[in-house]
Amino acid sequence: MSTKQKRILLLDDDRESMSDLQLHLQEEKGWKVELTAEQKILERLGRENFDLLIVDLMIRPKSAGENKQEIQNIHFDNVKWDRTGAEFVRRFRRGMYSKKGGTPSEAPIIVLSAVADSAADEEWGEIIGKEHSIEKPFRLSDMVNLISRLLQE
């Protein structure tokens, strides 16, 4: 096992529902977990290295931050908010946010879906079929086991 602390990006606009996962992964596993969907994370991916990304498929253009302030989330022109995560994964895999020293486009991704029939949707099915996926709500133990396997811990 590596002595380097693993970094995880939890790309989700719902701080309230995902903060328990963030806290558990940090306290129980010792991983550094950043929970954000802010637009500026796209630039940061080019200079910061995350070992794993957990990406919600549906990201609203705006949400409340830690201090309840309104923040601008990732948004792509001509892409509905309920497709933002899928578009992010598509662009990330194409290397649009990768630079030397940043997060490589081959980094493992876990896709989160809150829509039961999303696999039947052709566009989402394409993304889910190529990535690891977990449907919300998920069992914490299932998520931790998948992350551990992908981080090879």
N, C-alpha and C. Protein backbone atom coordinates (compact mmCIF):
# COMPACT_ATOMS: atom_id res chain seq x y z
N MET A 1 0.84 -1.18 0.00
CA MET A 1 0.00 0.00 0.00
C MET A 1 0.88 1.25 0.00
N SER A 2 0.52 2.21 -0.80
CA SER A 2 1.28 3.45 -0.91
C SER A 2 1.14 4.28 0.36
N THR A 3 2.21 5.00 0.71
CA THR A 3 2.16 5.87 1.88
C THR A 3 1.60 7.24 1.52
N LYS A 4 1.50 7.56 0.26
CA LYS A 4 0.94 8.83 -0.19
C LYS A 4 -0.57 8.84 0.06
N GLN A 5 -1.05 9.94 0.65
CA GLN A 5 -2.47 10.05 0.92
C GLN A 5 -3.24 10.15 -0.40
N LYS A 6 -4.24 9.31 -0.57
CA LYS A 6 -5.04 9.32 -1.79
C LYS A 6 -5.96 10.52 -1.81
N ARG A 7 -6.10 11.13 -2.99
CA ARG A 7 -6.99 12.28 -3.18
C ARG A 7 -8.15 11.87 -4.06
N ILE A 8 -9.34 12.21 -3.61
CA ILE A 8 -10.56 11.88 -4.32
C ILE A 8 -11.34 13.16 -4.58
N LEU A 9 -11.81 13.33 -5.81
CA LEU A 9 -12.71 14.42 -6.15
C LEU A 9 -14.12 13.87 -6.16
N LEU A 10 -14.96 14.41 -5.32
CA LEU A 10 -16.38 14.04 -5.27
C LEU A 10 -17.13 15.18 -5.96
N LEU A 11 -17.38 15.00 -7.25
CA LEU A 11 -17.98 16.03 -8.09
C LEU A 11 -19.50 15.92 -8.01
N ASP A 12 -20.07 16.69 -7.09
CA ASP A 12 -21.50 16.64 -6.82
C ASP A 12 -21.94 18.00 -6.31
N ASP A 13 -23.12 18.45 -6.71
CA ASP A 13 -23.63 19.75 -6.28
C ASP A 13 -24.44 19.67 -4.99
N ASP A 14 -24.68 18.49 -4.47
CA ASP A 14 -25.50 18.32 -3.28
C ASP A 14 -24.63 18.07 -2.05
N ARG A 15 -24.14 19.15 -1.47
CA ARG A 15 -23.25 19.05 -0.30
C ARG A 15 -23.92 18.32 0.84
N GLU A 16 -25.18 18.61 1.04
CA GLU A 16 -25.90 18.05 2.19
C GLU A 16 -25.93 16.53 2.17
N SER A 17 -26.27 15.96 1.03
CA SER A 17 -26.40 14.50 0.98
C SER A 17 -25.05 13.78 0.84
N MET A 18 -24.02 14.48 0.34
CA MET A 18 -22.74 13.82 0.11
C MET A 18 -21.70 14.10 1.19
N SER A 19 -21.98 15.01 2.10
CA SER A 19 -20.98 15.34 3.13
C SER A 19 -20.71 14.18 4.08
N ASP A 20 -21.71 13.32 4.32
CA ASP A 20 -21.47 12.15 5.17
C ASP A 20 -20.48 11.19 4.51
N LEU A 21 -20.60 10.99 3.20
CA LEU A 21 -19.64 10.16 2.48
C LEU A 21 -18.25 10.78 2.56
N GLN A 22 -18.16 12.07 2.32
CA GLN A 22 -16.88 12.76 2.39
C GLN A 22 -16.24 12.57 3.77
N LEU A 23 -17.00 12.80 4.81
CA LEU A 23 -16.49 12.67 6.18
C LEU A 23 -16.04 11.25 6.49
N HIS A 24 -16.83 10.28 6.07
CA HIS A 24 -16.48 8.88 6.32
C HIS A 24 -15.17 8.50 5.62
N LEU A 25 -15.05 8.86 4.36
CA LEU A 25 -13.84 8.52 3.61
C LEU A 25 -12.60 9.18 4.20
N GLN A 26 -12.77 10.37 4.72
CA GLN A 26 -11.63 11.08 5.32
C GLN A 26 -11.28 10.50 6.68
N GLU A 27 -12.27 10.31 7.52
CA GLU A 27 -12.00 9.87 8.89
C GLU A 27 -11.69 8.38 9.00
N GLU A 28 -12.41 7.56 8.26
CA GLU A 28 -12.23 6.11 8.38
C GLU A 28 -11.15 5.55 7.48
N LYS A 29 -10.95 6.16 6.33
CA LYS A 29 -9.97 5.63 5.37
C LYS A 29 -8.72 6.50 5.25
N GLY A 30 -8.78 7.72 5.75
CA GLY A 30 -7.62 8.60 5.66
C GLY A 30 -7.40 9.21 4.30
N TRP A 31 -8.41 9.17 3.44
CA TRP A 31 -8.29 9.76 2.11
C TRP A 31 -8.67 11.24 2.18
N LYS A 32 -8.07 12.04 1.35
CA LYS A 32 -8.43 13.46 1.25
C LYS A 32 -9.51 13.57 0.18
N VAL A 33 -10.69 14.03 0.58
CA VAL A 33 -11.83 14.07 -0.32
C VAL A 33 -12.31 15.51 -0.48
N GLU A 34 -12.33 15.99 -1.71
CA GLU A 34 -12.85 17.31 -2.00
C GLU A 34 -14.24 17.16 -2.61
N LEU A 35 -15.21 17.79 -1.97
CA LEU A 35 -16.60 17.77 -2.43
C LEU A 35 -16.91 19.11 -3.07
N THR A 36 -17.06 19.12 -4.37
CA THR A 36 -17.34 20.36 -5.10
C THR A 36 -17.90 20.04 -6.48
N ALA A 37 -18.61 21.01 -7.02
CA ALA A 37 -19.02 20.97 -8.43
C ALA A 37 -18.78 22.34 -9.04
N GLU A 38 -17.98 23.16 -8.34
CA GLU A 38 -17.72 24.51 -8.80
C GLU A 38 -17.01 24.52 -10.15
N GLN A 39 -17.35 25.50 -10.95
CA GLN A 39 -16.79 25.64 -12.29
C GLN A 39 -15.26 25.64 -12.28
N LYS A 40 -14.65 26.23 -11.27
CA LYS A 40 -13.19 26.35 -11.24
C LYS A 40 -12.47 25.01 -11.07
N ILE A 41 -13.18 23.95 -10.74
CA ILE A 41 -12.53 22.65 -10.61
C ILE A 41 -11.99 22.17 -11.96
N LEU A 42 -12.60 22.61 -13.05
CA LEU A 42 -12.13 22.20 -14.38
C LEU A 42 -10.69 22.64 -14.61
N GLU A 43 -10.37 23.86 -14.23
CA GLU A 43 -9.00 24.36 -14.37
C GLU A 43 -8.08 23.66 -13.39
N ARG A 44 -8.55 23.43 -12.18
CA ARG A 44 -7.72 22.80 -11.15
C ARG A 44 -7.31 21.37 -11.53
N LEU A 45 -8.15 20.69 -12.29
CA LEU A 45 -7.81 19.33 -12.71
C LEU A 45 -6.52 19.30 -13.53
N GLY A 46 -6.22 20.40 -14.21
CA GLY A 46 -5.01 20.49 -15.01
C GLY A 46 -3.75 20.65 -14.19
N ARG A 47 -3.87 21.06 -12.93
CA ARG A 47 -2.66 21.26 -12.12
C ARG A 47 -2.65 20.46 -10.82
N GLU A 48 -3.78 19.87 -10.44
CA GLU A 48 -3.85 19.06 -9.23
C GLU A 48 -4.13 17.61 -9.60
N ASN A 49 -3.51 16.71 -8.87
CA ASN A 49 -3.68 15.29 -9.17
C ASN A 49 -4.67 14.65 -8.21
N PHE A 50 -5.78 14.18 -8.73
CA PHE A 50 -6.73 13.38 -7.98
C PHE A 50 -6.53 11.94 -8.41
N ASP A 51 -6.56 11.03 -7.44
CA ASP A 51 -6.36 9.61 -7.73
C ASP A 51 -7.62 8.94 -8.25
N LEU A 52 -8.79 9.54 -7.94
CA LEU A 52 -10.07 8.95 -8.32
C LEU A 52 -11.11 10.05 -8.34
N LEU A 53 -12.06 9.95 -9.27
CA LEU A 53 -13.15 10.91 -9.36
C LEU A 53 -14.47 10.17 -9.16
N ILE A 54 -15.34 10.77 -8.36
CA ILE A 54 -16.71 10.28 -8.20
C ILE A 54 -17.58 11.39 -8.76
N VAL A 55 -18.34 11.09 -9.83
CA VAL A 55 -19.05 12.13 -10.58
C VAL A 55 -20.54 11.86 -10.59
N ASP A 56 -21.31 12.80 -10.08
CA ASP A 56 -22.76 12.73 -10.17
C ASP A 56 -23.15 13.10 -11.60
N LEU A 57 -24.12 12.39 -12.15
CA LEU A 57 -24.53 12.68 -13.53
C LEU A 57 -25.30 13.99 -13.64
N MET A 58 -26.05 14.34 -12.60
CA MET A 58 -26.89 15.54 -12.65
C MET A 58 -26.30 16.62 -11.74
N ILE A 59 -25.83 17.71 -12.33
CA ILE A 59 -25.24 18.81 -11.59
C ILE A 59 -25.95 20.10 -11.99
N ARG A 60 -26.60 20.71 -11.02
CA ARG A 60 -27.32 21.96 -11.28
C ARG A 60 -26.32 23.10 -11.51
N PRO A 61 -26.70 24.10 -12.30
CA PRO A 61 -25.78 25.21 -12.59
C PRO A 61 -25.36 26.01 -11.36
N LYS A 62 -26.23 26.05 -10.34
CA LYS A 62 -25.92 26.79 -9.11
C LYS A 62 -26.32 25.94 -7.92
N SER A 63 -25.58 26.11 -6.82
CA SER A 63 -25.92 25.43 -5.58
C SER A 63 -25.40 26.25 -4.41
N ALA A 64 -25.69 25.78 -3.20
CA ALA A 64 -25.22 26.46 -1.99
C ALA A 64 -23.89 25.86 -1.55
N GLY A 65 -22.94 26.70 -1.26
CA GLY A 65 -21.64 26.26 -0.78
C GLY A 65 -21.66 25.97 0.71
N GLU A 66 -20.48 25.73 1.27
CA GLU A 66 -20.36 25.41 2.70
C GLU A 66 -21.01 26.46 3.59
N ASN A 67 -20.85 27.71 3.25
CA ASN A 67 -21.40 28.79 4.06
C ASN A 67 -22.74 29.28 3.53
N LYS A 68 -23.40 28.43 2.76
CA LYS A 68 -24.71 28.71 2.17
C LYS A 68 -24.67 29.80 1.09
N GLN A 69 -23.48 30.23 0.68
CA GLN A 69 -23.38 31.19 -0.39
C GLN A 69 -23.65 30.49 -1.72
N GLU A 70 -24.19 31.23 -2.68
CA GLU A 70 -24.47 30.65 -3.99
C GLU A 70 -23.17 30.50 -4.77
N ILE A 71 -22.97 29.33 -5.35
CA ILE A 71 -21.78 29.09 -6.16
C ILE A 71 -22.18 28.67 -7.57
N GLN A 72 -21.32 29.01 -8.51
CA GLN A 72 -21.51 28.64 -9.91
C GLN A 72 -20.88 27.27 -10.13
N ASN A 73 -21.67 26.32 -10.52
CA ASN A 73 -21.17 24.97 -10.77
C ASN A 73 -20.77 24.79 -12.23
N ILE A 74 -20.16 23.65 -12.49
CA ILE A 74 -19.82 23.28 -13.85
C ILE A 74 -21.08 23.39 -14.72
N HIS A 75 -20.92 24.01 -15.86
CA HIS A 75 -22.01 24.14 -16.80
C HIS A 75 -21.41 24.17 -18.20
N PHE A 76 -22.07 23.47 -19.11
CA PHE A 76 -21.61 23.44 -20.49
C PHE A 76 -22.72 24.01 -21.37
N ASP A 77 -22.37 24.92 -22.27
CA ASP A 77 -23.36 25.48 -23.19
C ASP A 77 -24.04 24.36 -23.97
N ASN A 78 -25.33 24.51 -24.15
CA ASN A 78 -26.15 23.57 -24.92
C ASN A 78 -26.24 22.17 -24.29
N VAL A 79 -25.96 22.05 -22.98
CA VAL A 79 -26.09 20.79 -22.27
C VAL A 79 -27.01 21.02 -21.08
N LYS A 80 -28.11 20.26 -21.02
CA LYS A 80 -29.03 20.39 -19.90
C LYS A 80 -28.34 19.97 -18.60
N TRP A 81 -28.73 20.60 -17.49
CA TRP A 81 -28.07 20.34 -16.21
C TRP A 81 -28.10 18.86 -15.82
N ASP A 82 -29.15 18.15 -16.23
CA ASP A 82 -29.22 16.74 -15.86
C ASP A 82 -28.29 15.86 -16.69
N ARG A 83 -27.53 16.46 -17.60
CA ARG A 83 -26.54 15.76 -18.41
C ARG A 83 -25.12 16.27 -18.15
N THR A 84 -24.97 17.19 -17.21
CA THR A 84 -23.68 17.83 -16.98
C THR A 84 -22.60 16.81 -16.61
N GLY A 85 -22.90 15.89 -15.71
CA GLY A 85 -21.91 14.90 -15.29
C GLY A 85 -21.46 14.02 -16.44
N ALA A 86 -22.41 13.62 -17.27
CA ALA A 86 -22.07 12.79 -18.43
C ALA A 86 -21.17 13.55 -19.40
N GLU A 87 -21.47 14.82 -19.61
CA GLU A 87 -20.64 15.63 -20.51
C GLU A 87 -19.26 15.85 -19.90
N PHE A 88 -19.20 16.06 -18.59
CA PHE A 88 -17.91 16.20 -17.93
C PHE A 88 -17.06 14.94 -18.15
N VAL A 89 -17.63 13.77 -17.91
CA VAL A 89 -16.88 12.52 -18.07
C VAL A 89 -16.40 12.38 -19.51
N ARG A 90 -17.25 12.69 -20.45
CA ARG A 90 -16.88 12.59 -21.87
C ARG A 90 -15.67 13.49 -22.17
N ARG A 91 -15.74 14.73 -21.72
CA ARG A 91 -14.65 15.68 -21.97
C ARG A 91 -13.38 15.30 -21.20
N PHE A 92 -13.55 14.84 -19.97
CA PHE A 92 -12.41 14.44 -19.16
C PHE A 92 -11.66 13.29 -19.83
N ARG A 93 -12.38 12.29 -20.30
CA ARG A 93 -11.75 11.15 -20.95
C ARG A 93 -11.05 11.54 -22.25
N ARG A 94 -11.51 12.60 -22.89
CA ARG A 94 -10.84 13.09 -24.10
C ARG A 94 -9.57 13.88 -23.78
N GLY A 95 -9.30 14.10 -22.49
CA GLY A 95 -8.10 14.80 -22.09
C GLY A 95 -8.22 16.30 -22.05
N MET A 96 -9.43 16.82 -22.04
CA MET A 96 -9.62 18.26 -22.09
C MET A 96 -9.14 18.99 -20.83
N TYR A 97 -9.00 18.29 -19.73
CA TYR A 97 -8.60 18.94 -18.48
C TYR A 97 -7.25 18.42 -17.98
N SER A 98 -6.59 17.61 -18.75
CA SER A 98 -5.33 17.00 -18.33
C SER A 98 -4.14 17.83 -18.79
N LYS A 99 -3.22 18.01 -17.87
CA LYS A 99 -1.94 18.63 -18.16
C LYS A 99 -0.91 17.92 -17.31
N LYS A 100 0.35 18.08 -17.66
CA LYS A 100 1.41 17.45 -16.88
C LYS A 100 1.32 17.93 -15.43
N GLY A 101 1.31 16.96 -14.52
CA GLY A 101 1.20 17.28 -13.10
C GLY A 101 -0.23 17.32 -12.59
N GLY A 102 -1.18 17.29 -13.50
CA GLY A 102 -2.58 17.32 -13.12
C GLY A 102 -3.17 15.91 -13.07
N THR A 103 -4.48 15.85 -13.10
CA THR A 103 -5.18 14.57 -13.05
C THR A 103 -5.19 13.95 -14.44
N PRO A 104 -4.63 12.75 -14.59
CA PRO A 104 -4.60 12.12 -15.92
C PRO A 104 -5.99 11.70 -16.37
N SER A 105 -6.22 11.76 -17.66
CA SER A 105 -7.54 11.41 -18.20
C SER A 105 -7.88 9.93 -18.01
N GLU A 106 -6.89 9.13 -17.60
CA GLU A 106 -7.13 7.70 -17.35
C GLU A 106 -7.50 7.43 -15.89
N ALA A 107 -7.56 8.46 -15.05
CA ALA A 107 -7.89 8.26 -13.64
C ALA A 107 -9.23 7.53 -13.52
N PRO A 108 -9.36 6.63 -12.55
CA PRO A 108 -10.63 5.92 -12.39
C PRO A 108 -11.77 6.87 -12.05
N ILE A 109 -12.93 6.56 -12.59
CA ILE A 109 -14.14 7.35 -12.35
C ILE A 109 -15.25 6.42 -11.88
N ILE A 110 -15.97 6.87 -10.85
CA ILE A 110 -17.21 6.23 -10.43
C ILE A 110 -18.32 7.20 -10.76
N VAL A 111 -19.29 6.76 -11.54
CA VAL A 111 -20.42 7.60 -11.92
C VAL A 111 -21.58 7.32 -10.96
N LEU A 112 -22.15 8.40 -10.43
CA LEU A 112 -23.31 8.30 -9.55
C LEU A 112 -24.56 8.68 -10.33
N SER A 113 -25.58 7.87 -10.20
CA SER A 113 -26.85 8.14 -10.87
C SER A 113 -27.98 8.02 -9.87
N ALA A 114 -28.85 9.01 -9.86
CA ALA A 114 -30.04 8.97 -9.01
C ALA A 114 -31.26 8.55 -9.81
N VAL A 115 -31.07 8.22 -11.07
CA VAL A 115 -32.18 7.88 -11.96
C VAL A 115 -32.13 6.39 -12.26
N ALA A 116 -33.14 5.69 -11.80
CA ALA A 116 -33.15 4.22 -11.92
C ALA A 116 -33.08 3.73 -13.36
N ASP A 117 -33.71 4.44 -14.27
CA ASP A 117 -33.73 3.96 -15.66
C ASP A 117 -32.66 4.62 -16.52
N SER A 118 -31.64 5.21 -15.89
CA SER A 118 -30.62 5.91 -16.67
C SER A 118 -29.86 4.98 -17.60
N ALA A 119 -29.70 3.73 -17.21
CA ALA A 119 -28.97 2.80 -18.07
C ALA A 119 -29.72 2.57 -19.38
N ALA A 120 -31.04 2.75 -19.37
CA ALA A 120 -31.83 2.58 -20.58
C ALA A 120 -31.70 3.78 -21.50
N ASP A 121 -31.31 4.92 -20.98
CA ASP A 121 -31.10 6.12 -21.75
C ASP A 121 -29.81 5.95 -22.55
N GLU A 122 -29.87 6.10 -23.84
CA GLU A 122 -28.72 5.81 -24.70
C GLU A 122 -27.49 6.64 -24.33
N GLU A 123 -27.68 7.94 -24.12
CA GLU A 123 -26.55 8.80 -23.80
C GLU A 123 -25.92 8.43 -22.46
N TRP A 124 -26.73 8.26 -21.44
CA TRP A 124 -26.21 7.90 -20.13
C TRP A 124 -25.66 6.48 -20.15
N GLY A 125 -26.33 5.61 -20.86
CA GLY A 125 -25.87 4.24 -20.95
C GLY A 125 -24.47 4.14 -21.52
N GLU A 126 -24.15 5.02 -22.46
CA GLU A 126 -22.81 5.05 -23.06
C GLU A 126 -21.76 5.37 -21.99
N ILE A 127 -22.05 6.35 -21.15
CA ILE A 127 -21.11 6.73 -20.09
C ILE A 127 -21.05 5.65 -19.02
N ILE A 128 -22.20 5.21 -18.54
CA ILE A 128 -22.25 4.21 -17.48
C ILE A 128 -21.60 2.91 -17.93
N GLY A 129 -21.76 2.57 -19.18
CA GLY A 129 -21.19 1.33 -19.69
C GLY A 129 -19.67 1.31 -19.72
N LYS A 130 -19.05 2.48 -19.81
CA LYS A 130 -17.60 2.57 -19.88
C LYS A 130 -16.95 2.82 -18.53
N GLU A 131 -17.73 3.23 -17.55
CA GLU A 131 -17.20 3.60 -16.24
C GLU A 131 -17.81 2.71 -15.16
N HIS A 132 -17.23 2.75 -14.00
CA HIS A 132 -17.84 2.10 -12.84
C HIS A 132 -19.01 2.97 -12.41
N SER A 133 -20.09 2.37 -11.96
CA SER A 133 -21.24 3.18 -11.58
C SER A 133 -21.90 2.62 -10.33
N ILE A 134 -22.52 3.54 -9.60
CA ILE A 134 -23.31 3.20 -8.42
C ILE A 134 -24.55 4.07 -8.46
N GLU A 135 -25.68 3.45 -8.16
CA GLU A 135 -26.94 4.17 -8.16
C GLU A 135 -27.23 4.72 -6.77
N LYS A 136 -27.67 5.98 -6.72
CA LYS A 136 -28.10 6.59 -5.47
C LYS A 136 -29.51 6.13 -5.15
N PRO A 137 -29.86 5.91 -3.94
CA PRO A 137 -28.98 5.88 -2.77
C PRO A 137 -28.16 4.59 -2.80
N PHE A 138 -26.96 4.66 -2.27
CA PHE A 138 -26.06 3.50 -2.27
C PHE A 138 -25.70 3.12 -0.84
N ARG A 139 -25.26 1.89 -0.70
CA ARG A 139 -24.77 1.45 0.61
C ARG A 139 -23.34 1.95 0.75
N LEU A 140 -23.04 2.54 1.88
CA LEU A 140 -21.72 3.08 2.13
C LEU A 140 -20.64 2.01 1.95
N SER A 141 -20.91 0.81 2.44
CA SER A 141 -19.92 -0.26 2.32
C SER A 141 -19.64 -0.60 0.86
N ASP A 142 -20.67 -0.57 0.00
CA ASP A 142 -20.46 -0.83 -1.42
C ASP A 142 -19.56 0.23 -2.04
N MET A 143 -19.81 1.49 -1.68
CA MET A 143 -19.00 2.58 -2.23
C MET A 143 -17.56 2.47 -1.75
N VAL A 144 -17.35 2.23 -0.46
CA VAL A 144 -16.00 2.13 0.09
C VAL A 144 -15.26 0.96 -0.54
N ASN A 145 -15.92 -0.17 -0.72
CA ASN A 145 -15.29 -1.34 -1.33
C ASN A 145 -14.86 -1.05 -2.77
N LEU A 146 -15.72 -0.38 -3.53
CA LEU A 146 -15.39 -0.06 -4.92
C LEU A 146 -14.22 0.93 -4.97
N ILE A 147 -14.26 1.95 -4.15
CA ILE A 147 -13.16 2.92 -4.13
C ILE A 147 -11.86 2.23 -3.76
N SER A 148 -11.89 1.39 -2.72
CA SER A 148 -10.69 0.68 -2.28
C SER A 148 -10.12 -0.17 -3.40
N ARG A 149 -11.00 -0.85 -4.12
CA ARG A 149 -10.56 -1.70 -5.23
C ARG A 149 -9.92 -0.86 -6.33
N LEU A 150 -10.54 0.27 -6.67
CA LEU A 150 -10.02 1.11 -7.74
C LEU A 150 -8.70 1.79 -7.34
N LEU A 151 -8.55 2.08 -6.05
CA LEU A 151 -7.30 2.67 -5.57
C LEU A 151 -6.28 1.59 -5.21
N GLN A 152 -6.71 0.34 -5.34
CA GLN A 152 -5.88 -0.83 -5.05
C GLN A 152 -5.34 -0.79 -3.62
N GLU A 153 -6.28 -0.53 -2.71
CA GLU A 153 -5.93 -0.53 -1.29
C GLU A 153 -6.65 -1.66 -0.58
